[in-house]
Amino acid sequence: MAIDATPVRRARIAAMTALASATAAATATALLLAACAAPPPTPDLATFLERRALCDHFRGEVPDPPDAQRMREVSQQIDAYCTGTDAQLAALRQRYRGDPAVTKQLAQFEDHVEH
């Protein structure tokens, strides 16, 4: 007595087709989401973000209790990383005013940190 395997084969083919279809849909969705993601920061923005992070770090490093040597070191770092960032921040805010993601990123910074 022979068993007709055709219905079993049809079920397997249907399952494999459904899986392939779901995989293709997931891949297409992932590609579309990746295409819609925000592009990496431009060099001027990336440079500012790194420099300003260092500036803000050293602004918070004022020694307590006061230590003259450490204060000189911190002051040198503040001068190195903070000088010019007020103007750079204003320019970047103007340049990227139409980009909500960048505007939000720049909103976290104080306008005036230079002395």
PDB file of N, CA and C in Angstrom:
ATOM      1  N   MET A   1       0.845  -1.166   0.000  1.00  0.00           N
ATOM      2  CA  MET A   1       0.000   0.000   0.000  1.00  0.00           C
ATOM      3  C   MET A   1       0.894   1.233   0.000  1.00  0.00           C
ATOM      4  N   ALA A   2       0.716   2.082  -0.981  1.00  0.00           N
ATOM      5  CA  ALA A   2       1.526   3.282  -1.118  1.00  0.00           C
ATOM      6  C   ALA A   2       0.846   4.456  -0.424  1.00  0.00           C
ATOM      7  N   ILE A   3       1.666   5.305   0.226  1.00  0.00           N
ATOM      8  CA  ILE A   3       1.131   6.481   0.916  1.00  0.00           C
ATOM      9  C   ILE A   3       1.295   7.675  -0.014  1.00  0.00           C
ATOM     10  N   ASP A   4       0.250   8.433  -0.203  1.00  0.00           N
ATOM     11  CA  ASP A   4       0.318   9.615  -1.052  1.00  0.00           C
ATOM     12  C   ASP A   4       0.953  10.748  -0.242  1.00  0.00           C
ATOM     13  N   ALA A   5       2.179  11.098  -0.591  1.00  0.00           N
ATOM     14  CA  ALA A   5       2.916  12.133   0.144  1.00  0.00           C
ATOM     15  C   ALA A   5       2.650  13.524  -0.398  1.00  0.00           C
ATOM     16  N   THR A   6       1.868  13.638  -1.409  1.00  0.00           N
ATOM     17  CA  THR A   6       1.611  14.933  -2.031  1.00  0.00           C
ATOM     18  C   THR A   6       1.045  15.954  -1.045  1.00  0.00           C
ATOM     19  N   PRO A   7       0.060  15.650  -0.230  1.00  0.00           N
ATOM     20  CA  PRO A   7      -0.440  16.649   0.727  1.00  0.00           C
ATOM     21  C   PRO A   7       0.641  17.083   1.726  1.00  0.00           C
ATOM     22  N   VAL A   8       1.483  16.145   2.146  1.00  0.00           N
ATOM     23  CA  VAL A   8       2.559  16.488   3.075  1.00  0.00           C
ATOM     24  C   VAL A   8       3.557  17.416   2.386  1.00  0.00           C
ATOM     25  N   ARG A   9       3.904  17.076   1.175  1.00  0.00           N
ATOM     26  CA  ARG A   9       4.834  17.930   0.417  1.00  0.00           C
ATOM     27  C   ARG A   9       4.247  19.326   0.213  1.00  0.00           C
ATOM     28  N   ARG A  10       2.969  19.372  -0.110  1.00  0.00           N
ATOM     29  CA  ARG A  10       2.314  20.677  -0.307  1.00  0.00           C
ATOM     30  C   ARG A  10       2.351  21.505   0.979  1.00  0.00           C
ATOM     31  N   ALA A  11       2.121  20.860   2.098  1.00  0.00           N
ATOM     32  CA  ALA A  11       2.149  21.575   3.389  1.00  0.00           C
ATOM     33  C   ALA A  11       3.546  22.096   3.685  1.00  0.00           C
ATOM     34  N   ARG A  12       4.554  21.267   3.411  1.00  0.00           N
ATOM     35  CA  ARG A  12       5.939  21.706   3.650  1.00  0.00           C
ATOM     36  C   ARG A  12       6.316  22.864   2.732  1.00  0.00           C
ATOM     37  N   ILE A  13       5.934  22.748   1.482  1.00  0.00           N
ATOM     38  CA  ILE A  13       6.229  23.832   0.529  1.00  0.00           C
ATOM     39  C   ILE A  13       5.519  25.111   0.959  1.00  0.00           C
ATOM     40  N   ALA A  14       4.277  24.998   1.386  1.00  0.00           N
ATOM     41  CA  ALA A  14       3.529  26.176   1.840  1.00  0.00           C
ATOM     42  C   ALA A  14       4.195  26.811   3.062  1.00  0.00           C
ATOM     43  N   ALA A  15       4.652  25.971   3.997  1.00  0.00           N
ATOM     44  CA  ALA A  15       5.318  26.486   5.200  1.00  0.00           C
ATOM     45  C   ALA A  15       6.628  27.169   4.841  1.00  0.00           C
ATOM     46  N   MET A  16       7.392  26.556   3.941  1.00  0.00           N
ATOM     47  CA  MET A  16       8.674  27.139   3.536  1.00  0.00           C
ATOM     48  C   MET A  16       8.452  28.446   2.772  1.00  0.00           C
ATOM     49  N   THR A  17       7.414  28.496   1.941  1.00  0.00           N
ATOM     50  CA  THR A  17       7.098  29.716   1.201  1.00  0.00           C
ATOM     51  C   THR A  17       6.689  30.829   2.161  1.00  0.00           C
ATOM     52  N   ALA A  18       5.880  30.488   3.147  1.00  0.00           N
ATOM     53  CA  ALA A  18       5.450  31.491   4.135  1.00  0.00           C
ATOM     54  C   ALA A  18       6.646  32.023   4.917  1.00  0.00           C
ATOM     55  N   LEU A  19       7.549  31.118   5.301  1.00  0.00           N
ATOM     56  CA  LEU A  19       8.740  31.530   6.035  1.00  0.00           C
ATOM     57  C   LEU A  19       9.626  32.429   5.180  1.00  0.00           C
ATOM     58  N   ALA A  20       9.818  32.052   3.925  1.00  0.00           N
ATOM     59  CA  ALA A  20      10.637  32.860   3.014  1.00  0.00           C
ATOM     60  C   ALA A  20      10.007  34.227   2.802  1.00  0.00           C
ATOM     61  N   SER A  21       8.690  34.259   2.695  1.00  0.00           N
ATOM     62  CA  SER A  21       7.967  35.509   2.511  1.00  0.00           C
ATOM     63  C   SER A  21       8.111  36.413   3.734  1.00  0.00           C
ATOM     64  N   ALA A  22       7.982  35.823   4.905  1.00  0.00           N
ATOM     65  CA  ALA A  22       8.127  36.599   6.149  1.00  0.00           C
ATOM     66  C   ALA A  22       9.545  37.117   6.300  1.00  0.00           C
ATOM     67  N   THR A  23      10.516  36.278   5.956  1.00  0.00           N
ATOM     68  CA  THR A  23      11.924  36.698   6.030  1.00  0.00           C
ATOM     69  C   THR A  23      12.193  37.838   5.068  1.00  0.00           C
ATOM     70  N   ALA A  24      11.667  37.748   3.852  1.00  0.00           N
ATOM     71  CA  ALA A  24      11.849  38.810   2.862  1.00  0.00           C
ATOM     72  C   ALA A  24      11.205  40.107   3.332  1.00  0.00           C
ATOM     73  N   ALA A  25      10.025  40.004   3.929  1.00  0.00           N
ATOM     74  CA  ALA A  25       9.339  41.198   4.431  1.00  0.00           C
ATOM     75  C   ALA A  25      10.124  41.834   5.577  1.00  0.00           C
ATOM     76  N   ALA A  26      10.647  41.009   6.469  1.00  0.00           N
ATOM     77  CA  ALA A  26      11.439  41.541   7.592  1.00  0.00           C
ATOM     78  C   ALA A  26      12.708  42.201   7.085  1.00  0.00           C
ATOM     79  N   THR A  27      13.344  41.586   6.098  1.00  0.00           N
ATOM     80  CA  THR A  27      14.568  42.163   5.528  1.00  0.00           C
ATOM     81  C   THR A  27      14.261  43.492   4.855  1.00  0.00           C
ATOM     82  N   ALA A  28      13.190  43.541   4.094  1.00  0.00           N
ATOM     83  CA  ALA A  28      12.805  44.781   3.421  1.00  0.00           C
ATOM     84  C   ALA A  28      12.497  45.874   4.445  1.00  0.00           C
ATOM     85  N   THR A  29      11.801  45.522   5.504  1.00  0.00           N
ATOM     86  CA  THR A  29      11.479  46.494   6.553  1.00  0.00           C
ATOM     87  C   THR A  29      12.751  47.020   7.214  1.00  0.00           C
ATOM     88  N   ALA A  30      13.683  46.126   7.510  1.00  0.00           N
ATOM     89  CA  ALA A  30      14.948  46.540   8.130  1.00  0.00           C
ATOM     90  C   ALA A  30      15.720  47.473   7.209  1.00  0.00           C
ATOM     91  N   LEU A  31      15.739  47.174   5.923  1.00  0.00           N
ATOM     92  CA  LEU A  31      16.446  48.041   4.970  1.00  0.00           C
ATOM     93  C   LEU A  31      15.787  49.414   4.879  1.00  0.00           C
ATOM     94  N   LEU A  32      14.459  49.444   4.883  1.00  0.00           N
ATOM     95  CA  LEU A  32      13.764  50.733   4.844  1.00  0.00           C
ATOM     96  C   LEU A  32      14.022  51.557   6.100  1.00  0.00           C
ATOM     97  N   LEU A  33      14.007  50.898   7.250  1.00  0.00           N
ATOM     98  CA  LEU A  33      14.286  51.612   8.499  1.00  0.00           C
ATOM     99  C   LEU A  33      15.712  52.131   8.526  1.00  0.00           C
ATOM    100  N   ALA A  34      16.647  51.352   8.035  1.00  0.00           N
ATOM    101  CA  ALA A  34      18.045  51.794   7.994  1.00  0.00           C
ATOM    102  C   ALA A  34      18.200  52.992   7.069  1.00  0.00           C
ATOM    103  N   ALA A  35      17.469  52.985   5.964  1.00  0.00           N
ATOM    104  CA  ALA A  35      17.551  54.104   5.026  1.00  0.00           C
ATOM    105  C   ALA A  35      16.961  55.373   5.623  1.00  0.00           C
ATOM    106  N   CYS A  36      15.977  55.221   6.521  1.00  0.00           N
ATOM    107  CA  CYS A  36      15.332  56.382   7.140  1.00  0.00           C
ATOM    108  C   CYS A  36      16.081  56.893   8.367  1.00  0.00           C
ATOM    109  N   ALA A  37      17.031  56.130   8.870  1.00  0.00           N
ATOM    110  CA  ALA A  37      17.765  56.527  10.073  1.00  0.00           C
ATOM    111  C   ALA A  37      18.562  57.796   9.800  1.00  0.00           C
ATOM    112  N   ALA A  38      18.804  58.526  10.851  1.00  0.00           N
ATOM    113  CA  ALA A  38      19.573  59.766  10.723  1.00  0.00           C
ATOM    114  C   ALA A  38      20.985  59.456  10.249  1.00  0.00           C
ATOM    115  N   PRO A  39      21.494  60.263   9.334  1.00  0.00           N
ATOM    116  CA  PRO A  39      22.860  60.037   8.867  1.00  0.00           C
ATOM    117  C   PRO A  39      23.848  60.341   9.981  1.00  0.00           C
ATOM    118  N   PRO A  40      25.051  59.817   9.875  1.00  0.00           N
ATOM    119  CA  PRO A  40      26.044  60.112  10.905  1.00  0.00           C
ATOM    120  C   PRO A  40      26.345  61.605  10.919  1.00  0.00           C
ATOM    121  N   PRO A  41      26.798  62.120  12.053  1.00  0.00           N
ATOM    122  CA  PRO A  41      27.062  63.560  12.125  1.00  0.00           C
ATOM    123  C   PRO A  41      28.135  63.971  11.134  1.00  0.00           C
ATOM    124  N   THR A  42      27.983  65.177  10.606  1.00  0.00           N
ATOM    125  CA  THR A  42      28.994  65.717   9.705  1.00  0.00           C
ATOM    126  C   THR A  42      30.257  65.983  10.514  1.00  0.00           C
ATOM    127  N   PRO A  43      31.397  66.098   9.837  1.00  0.00           N
ATOM    128  CA  PRO A  43      32.653  66.303  10.587  1.00  0.00           C
ATOM    129  C   PRO A  43      32.620  67.523  11.508  1.00  0.00           C
ATOM    130  N   ASP A  44      32.017  68.631  11.060  1.00  0.00           N
ATOM    131  CA  ASP A  44      31.979  69.815  11.926  1.00  0.00           C
ATOM    132  C   ASP A  44      31.139  69.561  13.176  1.00  0.00           C
ATOM    133  N   LEU A  45      30.038  68.867  13.019  1.00  0.00           N
ATOM    134  CA  LEU A  45      29.183  68.557  14.168  1.00  0.00           C
ATOM    135  C   LEU A  45      29.861  67.549  15.088  1.00  0.00           C
ATOM    136  N   ALA A  46      30.438  66.508  14.525  1.00  0.00           N
ATOM    137  CA  ALA A  46      31.123  65.486  15.333  1.00  0.00           C
ATOM    138  C   ALA A  46      32.286  66.093  16.110  1.00  0.00           C
ATOM    139  N   THR A  47      33.045  66.943  15.458  1.00  0.00           N
ATOM    140  CA  THR A  47      34.179  67.607  16.120  1.00  0.00           C
ATOM    141  C   THR A  47      33.689  68.480  17.266  1.00  0.00           C
ATOM    142  N   PHE A  48      32.611  69.245  17.015  1.00  0.00           N
ATOM    143  CA  PHE A  48      32.067  70.094  18.072  1.00  0.00           C
ATOM    144  C   PHE A  48      31.592  69.249  19.250  1.00  0.00           C
ATOM    145  N   LEU A  49      30.833  68.193  18.980  1.00  0.00           N
ATOM    146  CA  LEU A  49      30.285  67.370  20.061  1.00  0.00           C
ATOM    147  C   LEU A  49      31.399  66.779  20.926  1.00  0.00           C
ATOM    148  N   GLU A  50      32.462  66.327  20.300  1.00  0.00           N
ATOM    149  CA  GLU A  50      33.585  65.766  21.056  1.00  0.00           C
ATOM    150  C   GLU A  50      34.293  66.844  21.870  1.00  0.00           C
ATOM    151  N   ARG A  51      34.559  67.964  21.221  1.00  0.00           N
ATOM    152  CA  ARG A  51      35.271  69.060  21.900  1.00  0.00           C
ATOM    153  C   ARG A  51      34.445  69.632  23.050  1.00  0.00           C
ATOM    154  N   ARG A  52      33.158  69.805  22.804  1.00  0.00           N
ATOM    155  CA  ARG A  52      32.311  70.390  23.840  1.00  0.00           C
ATOM    156  C   ARG A  52      32.126  69.430  25.016  1.00  0.00           C
ATOM    157  N   ALA A  53      32.115  68.135  24.751  1.00  0.00           N
ATOM    158  CA  ALA A  53      32.036  67.155  25.841  1.00  0.00           C
ATOM    159  C   ALA A  53      33.269  67.266  26.731  1.00  0.00           C
ATOM    160  N   LEU A  54      34.425  67.428  26.121  1.00  0.00           N
ATOM    161  CA  LEU A  54      35.659  67.607  26.909  1.00  0.00           C
ATOM    162  C   LEU A  54      35.634  68.930  27.664  1.00  0.00           C
ATOM    163  N   CYS A  55      35.150  69.961  27.009  1.00  0.00           N
ATOM    164  CA  CYS A  55      35.020  71.276  27.657  1.00  0.00           C
ATOM    165  C   CYS A  55      34.143  71.154  28.904  1.00  0.00           C
ATOM    166  N   ASP A  56      32.966  70.564  28.735  1.00  0.00           N
ATOM    167  CA  ASP A  56      32.042  70.431  29.867  1.00  0.00           C
ATOM    168  C   ASP A  56      32.618  69.541  30.965  1.00  0.00           C
ATOM    169  N   HIS A  57      33.365  68.525  30.568  1.00  0.00           N
ATOM    170  CA  HIS A  57      34.012  67.660  31.563  1.00  0.00           C
ATOM    171  C   HIS A  57      34.964  68.469  32.431  1.00  0.00           C
ATOM    172  N   PHE A  58      35.837  69.224  31.796  1.00  0.00           N
ATOM    173  CA  PHE A  58      36.829  69.973  32.572  1.00  0.00           C
ATOM    174  C   PHE A  58      36.199  71.132  33.339  1.00  0.00           C
ATOM    175  N   ARG A  59      35.091  71.667  32.868  1.00  0.00           N
ATOM    176  CA  ARG A  59      34.391  72.708  33.629  1.00  0.00           C
ATOM    177  C   ARG A  59      33.899  72.153  34.955  1.00  0.00           C
ATOM    178  N   GLY A  60      33.663  70.862  35.014  1.00  0.00           N
ATOM    179  CA  GLY A  60      33.199  70.232  36.246  1.00  0.00           C
ATOM    180  C   GLY A  60      34.325  69.689  37.114  1.00  0.00           C
ATOM    181  N   GLU A  61      35.558  69.917  36.735  1.00  0.00           N
ATOM    182  CA  GLU A  61      36.711  69.370  37.447  1.00  0.00           C
ATOM    183  C   GLU A  61      37.372  70.346  38.411  1.00  0.00           C
ATOM    184  N   VAL A  62      36.701  71.396  38.774  1.00  0.00           N
ATOM    185  CA  VAL A  62      37.288  72.368  39.710  1.00  0.00           C
ATOM    186  C   VAL A  62      37.544  71.649  41.033  1.00  0.00           C
ATOM    187  N   PRO A  63      38.793  71.666  41.489  1.00  0.00           N
ATOM    188  CA  PRO A  63      39.142  70.893  42.688  1.00  0.00           C
ATOM    189  C   PRO A  63      38.522  71.463  43.967  1.00  0.00           C
ATOM    190  N   ASP A  64      38.102  70.542  44.800  1.00  0.00           N
ATOM    191  CA  ASP A  64      37.574  70.920  46.107  1.00  0.00           C
ATOM    192  C   ASP A  64      38.141  69.932  47.119  1.00  0.00           C
ATOM    193  N   PRO A  65      38.948  70.307  48.028  1.00  0.00           N
ATOM    194  CA  PRO A  65      39.366  71.672  48.362  1.00  0.00           C
ATOM    195  C   PRO A  65      40.307  72.232  47.286  1.00  0.00           C
ATOM    196  N   PRO A  66      40.399  73.562  47.259  1.00  0.00           N
ATOM    197  CA  PRO A  66      41.223  74.213  46.247  1.00  0.00           C
ATOM    198  C   PRO A  66      42.667  73.696  46.247  1.00  0.00           C
ATOM    199  N   ASP A  67      43.147  73.416  45.047  1.00  0.00           N
ATOM    200  CA  ASP A  67      44.514  72.960  44.836  1.00  0.00           C
ATOM    201  C   ASP A  67      45.050  73.771  43.661  1.00  0.00           C
ATOM    202  N   ALA A  68      46.003  74.637  43.941  1.00  0.00           N
ATOM    203  CA  ALA A  68      46.497  75.570  42.929  1.00  0.00           C
ATOM    204  C   ALA A  68      47.039  74.856  41.688  1.00  0.00           C
ATOM    205  N   GLN A  69      47.821  73.813  41.874  1.00  0.00           N
ATOM    206  CA  GLN A  69      48.395  73.089  40.734  1.00  0.00           C
ATOM    207  C   GLN A  69      47.296  72.458  39.879  1.00  0.00           C
ATOM    208  N   ARG A  70      46.358  71.777  40.529  1.00  0.00           N
ATOM    209  CA  ARG A  70      45.272  71.137  39.786  1.00  0.00           C
ATOM    210  C   ARG A  70      44.403  72.183  39.103  1.00  0.00           C
ATOM    211  N   MET A  71      44.176  73.328  39.752  1.00  0.00           N
ATOM    212  CA  MET A  71      43.373  74.390  39.156  1.00  0.00           C
ATOM    213  C   MET A  71      44.037  74.932  37.894  1.00  0.00           C
ATOM    214  N   ARG A  72      45.366  75.053  37.900  1.00  0.00           N
ATOM    215  CA  ARG A  72      46.088  75.500  36.694  1.00  0.00           C
ATOM    216  C   ARG A  72      45.890  74.495  35.559  1.00  0.00           C
ATOM    217  N   GLU A  73      45.988  73.195  35.888  1.00  0.00           N
ATOM    218  CA  GLU A  73      45.802  72.152  34.873  1.00  0.00           C
ATOM    219  C   GLU A  73      44.385  72.192  34.293  1.00  0.00           C
ATOM    220  N   VAL A  74      43.405  72.296  35.170  1.00  0.00           N
ATOM    221  CA  VAL A  74      42.007  72.336  34.728  1.00  0.00           C
ATOM    222  C   VAL A  74      41.764  73.577  33.888  1.00  0.00           C
ATOM    223  N   SER A  75      42.309  74.702  34.326  1.00  0.00           N
ATOM    224  CA  SER A  75      42.139  75.962  33.606  1.00  0.00           C
ATOM    225  C   SER A  75      42.746  75.877  32.199  1.00  0.00           C
ATOM    226  N   GLN A  76      43.889  75.239  32.072  1.00  0.00           N
ATOM    227  CA  GLN A  76      44.510  75.055  30.750  1.00  0.00           C
ATOM    228  C   GLN A  76      43.619  74.194  29.850  1.00  0.00           C
ATOM    229  N   GLN A  77      43.047  73.148  30.407  1.00  0.00           N
ATOM    230  CA  GLN A  77      42.174  72.278  29.624  1.00  0.00           C
ATOM    231  C   GLN A  77      40.885  73.004  29.227  1.00  0.00           C
ATOM    232  N   ILE A  78      40.361  73.797  30.133  1.00  0.00           N
ATOM    233  CA  ILE A  78      39.154  74.572  29.816  1.00  0.00           C
ATOM    234  C   ILE A  78      39.450  75.536  28.676  1.00  0.00           C
ATOM    235  N   ASP A  79      40.585  76.226  28.757  1.00  0.00           N
ATOM    236  CA  ASP A  79      40.965  77.137  27.676  1.00  0.00           C
ATOM    237  C   ASP A  79      41.121  76.389  26.354  1.00  0.00           C
ATOM    238  N   ALA A  80      41.747  75.221  26.403  1.00  0.00           N
ATOM    239  CA  ALA A  80      42.008  74.452  25.183  1.00  0.00           C
ATOM    240  C   ALA A  80      40.714  73.949  24.537  1.00  0.00           C
ATOM    241  N   TYR A  81      39.780  73.472  25.341  1.00  0.00           N
ATOM    242  CA  TYR A  81      38.587  72.849  24.780  1.00  0.00           C
ATOM    243  C   TYR A  81      37.373  73.767  24.680  1.00  0.00           C
ATOM    244  N   CYS A  82      37.300  74.803  25.495  1.00  0.00           N
ATOM    245  CA  CYS A  82      36.101  75.650  25.507  1.00  0.00           C
ATOM    246  C   CYS A  82      36.211  76.879  24.613  1.00  0.00           C
ATOM    247  N   THR A  83      37.411  77.380  24.405  1.00  0.00           N
ATOM    248  CA  THR A  83      37.577  78.601  23.625  1.00  0.00           C
ATOM    249  C   THR A  83      37.029  78.406  22.207  1.00  0.00           C
ATOM    250  N   GLY A  84      36.097  79.265  21.856  1.00  0.00           N
ATOM    251  CA  GLY A  84      35.502  79.230  20.523  1.00  0.00           C
ATOM    252  C   GLY A  84      34.233  78.404  20.413  1.00  0.00           C
ATOM    253  N   THR A  85      33.893  77.666  21.451  1.00  0.00           N
ATOM    254  CA  THR A  85      32.714  76.797  21.340  1.00  0.00           C
ATOM    255  C   THR A  85      31.395  77.561  21.403  1.00  0.00           C
ATOM    256  N   ASP A  86      31.374  78.726  22.030  1.00  0.00           N
ATOM    257  CA  ASP A  86      30.139  79.511  22.052  1.00  0.00           C
ATOM    258  C   ASP A  86      29.749  79.920  20.628  1.00  0.00           C
ATOM    259  N   ALA A  87      30.703  80.439  19.878  1.00  0.00           N
ATOM    260  CA  ALA A  87      30.446  80.852  18.498  1.00  0.00           C
ATOM    261  C   ALA A  87      30.158  79.641  17.608  1.00  0.00           C
ATOM    262  N   GLN A  88      30.876  78.556  17.840  1.00  0.00           N
ATOM    263  CA  GLN A  88      30.664  77.353  17.044  1.00  0.00           C
ATOM    264  C   GLN A  88      29.264  76.784  17.288  1.00  0.00           C
ATOM    265  N   LEU A  89      28.818  76.811  18.539  1.00  0.00           N
ATOM    266  CA  LEU A  89      27.481  76.327  18.867  1.00  0.00           C
ATOM    267  C   LEU A  89      26.426  77.183  18.167  1.00  0.00           C
ATOM    268  N   ALA A  90      26.583  78.482  18.213  1.00  0.00           N
ATOM    269  CA  ALA A  90      25.625  79.371  17.550  1.00  0.00           C
ATOM    270  C   ALA A  90      25.591  79.111  16.040  1.00  0.00           C
ATOM    271  N   ALA A  91      26.749  78.911  15.433  1.00  0.00           N
ATOM    272  CA  ALA A  91      26.817  78.649  13.995  1.00  0.00           C
ATOM    273  C   ALA A  91      26.168  77.312  13.638  1.00  0.00           C
ATOM    274  N   LEU A  92      26.411  76.302  14.457  1.00  0.00           N
ATOM    275  CA  LEU A  92      25.813  74.989  14.200  1.00  0.00           C
ATOM    276  C   LEU A  92      24.292  75.026  14.379  1.00  0.00           C
ATOM    277  N   ARG A  93      23.837  75.759  15.382  1.00  0.00           N
ATOM    278  CA  ARG A  93      22.383  75.885  15.573  1.00  0.00           C
ATOM    279  C   ARG A  93      21.743  76.571  14.366  1.00  0.00           C
ATOM    280  N   GLN A  94      22.413  77.559  13.824  1.00  0.00           N
ATOM    281  CA  GLN A  94      21.903  78.256  12.640  1.00  0.00           C
ATOM    282  C   GLN A  94      21.934  77.323  11.423  1.00  0.00           C
ATOM    283  N   ARG A  95      23.036  76.636  11.233  1.00  0.00           N
ATOM    284  CA  ARG A  95      23.212  75.761  10.070  1.00  0.00           C
ATOM    285  C   ARG A  95      22.200  74.607  10.061  1.00  0.00           C
ATOM    286  N   TYR A  96      21.948  74.026  11.224  1.00  0.00           N
ATOM    287  CA  TYR A  96      21.077  72.848  11.314  1.00  0.00           C
ATOM    288  C   TYR A  96      19.690  73.174  11.856  1.00  0.00           C
ATOM    289  N   ARG A  97      19.258  74.405  11.747  1.00  0.00           N
ATOM    290  CA  ARG A  97      17.965  74.799  12.317  1.00  0.00           C
ATOM    291  C   ARG A  97      16.798  74.016  11.714  1.00  0.00           C
ATOM    292  N   GLY A  98      16.948  73.479  10.517  1.00  0.00           N
ATOM    293  CA  GLY A  98      15.892  72.696   9.885  1.00  0.00           C
ATOM    294  C   GLY A  98      15.964  71.206  10.164  1.00  0.00           C
ATOM    295  N   ASP A  99      16.935  70.791  10.954  1.00  0.00           N
ATOM    296  CA  ASP A  99      17.117  69.364  11.246  1.00  0.00           C
ATOM    297  C   ASP A  99      16.751  69.108  12.705  1.00  0.00           C
ATOM    298  N   PRO A 100      15.573  68.561  12.969  1.00  0.00           N
ATOM    299  CA  PRO A 100      15.114  68.378  14.353  1.00  0.00           C
ATOM    300  C   PRO A 100      16.036  67.503  15.202  1.00  0.00           C
ATOM    301  N   ALA A 101      16.621  66.478  14.602  1.00  0.00           N
ATOM    302  CA  ALA A 101      17.503  65.583  15.378  1.00  0.00           C
ATOM    303  C   ALA A 101      18.746  66.326  15.848  1.00  0.00           C
ATOM    304  N   VAL A 102      19.345  67.116  14.967  1.00  0.00           N
ATOM    305  CA  VAL A 102      20.550  67.869  15.348  1.00  0.00           C
ATOM    306  C   VAL A 102      20.175  69.001  16.299  1.00  0.00           C
ATOM    307  N   THR A 103      19.059  69.655  16.036  1.00  0.00           N
ATOM    308  CA  THR A 103      18.603  70.738  16.915  1.00  0.00           C
ATOM    309  C   THR A 103      18.429  70.221  18.334  1.00  0.00           C
ATOM    310  N   LYS A 104      17.836  69.042  18.470  1.00  0.00           N
ATOM    311  CA  LYS A 104      17.649  68.438  19.792  1.00  0.00           C
ATOM    312  C   LYS A 104      18.999  68.133  20.445  1.00  0.00           C
ATOM    313  N   GLN A 105      19.936  67.640  19.642  1.00  0.00           N
ATOM    314  CA  GLN A 105      21.268  67.309  20.170  1.00  0.00           C
ATOM    315  C   GLN A 105      21.978  68.573  20.658  1.00  0.00           C
ATOM    316  N   LEU A 106      21.860  69.656  19.912  1.00  0.00           N
ATOM    317  CA  LEU A 106      22.538  70.904  20.281  1.00  0.00           C
ATOM    318  C   LEU A 106      21.841  71.627  21.431  1.00  0.00           C
ATOM    319  N   ALA A 107      20.568  71.333  21.650  1.00  0.00           N
ATOM    320  CA  ALA A 107      19.813  72.004  22.714  1.00  0.00           C
ATOM    321  C   ALA A 107      20.333  71.655  24.103  1.00  0.00           C
ATOM    322  N   GLN A 108      21.070  70.574  24.230  1.00  0.00           N
ATOM    323  CA  GLN A 108      21.575  70.159  25.542  1.00  0.00           C
ATOM    324  C   GLN A 108      22.727  71.040  26.044  1.00  0.00           C
ATOM    325  N   PHE A 109      23.282  71.883  25.174  1.00  0.00           N
ATOM    326  CA  PHE A 109      24.453  72.677  25.549  1.00  0.00           C
ATOM    327  C   PHE A 109      24.070  74.103  25.944  1.00  0.00           C
ATOM    328  N   GLU A 110      24.773  74.616  26.953  1.00  0.00           N
ATOM    329  CA  GLU A 110      24.607  76.013  27.360  1.00  0.00           C
ATOM    330  C   GLU A 110      25.149  76.914  26.257  1.00  0.00           C
ATOM    331  N   ASP A 111      24.541  78.099  26.110  1.00  0.00           N
ATOM    332  CA  ASP A 111      24.970  79.028  25.065  1.00  0.00           C
ATOM    333  C   ASP A 111      26.315  79.687  25.355  1.00  0.00           C
ATOM    334  N   HIS A 112      26.530  80.029  26.606  1.00  0.00           N
ATOM    335  CA  HIS A 112      27.728  80.811  26.950  1.00  0.00           C
ATOM    336  C   HIS A 112      28.515  80.125  28.067  1.00  0.00           C
ATOM    337  N   VAL A 113      29.622  79.478  27.690  1.00  0.00           N
ATOM    338  CA  VAL A 113      30.459  78.824  28.699  1.00  0.00           C
ATOM    339  C   VAL A 113      31.849  79.444  28.757  1.00  0.00           C
ATOM    340  N   GLU A 114      32.174  80.271  27.783  1.00  0.00           N
ATOM    341  CA  GLU A 114      33.496  80.913  27.788  1.00  0.00           C
ATOM    342  C   GLU A 114      33.474  82.096  28.741  1.00  0.00           C
ATOM    343  N   HIS A 115      34.623  82.352  29.294  1.00  0.00           N
ATOM    344  CA  HIS A 115      34.720  83.454  30.278  1.00  0.00           C
ATOM    345  C   HIS A 115      35.125  84.730  29.590  1.00  0.00           C
TER     346      HIS A 115
END
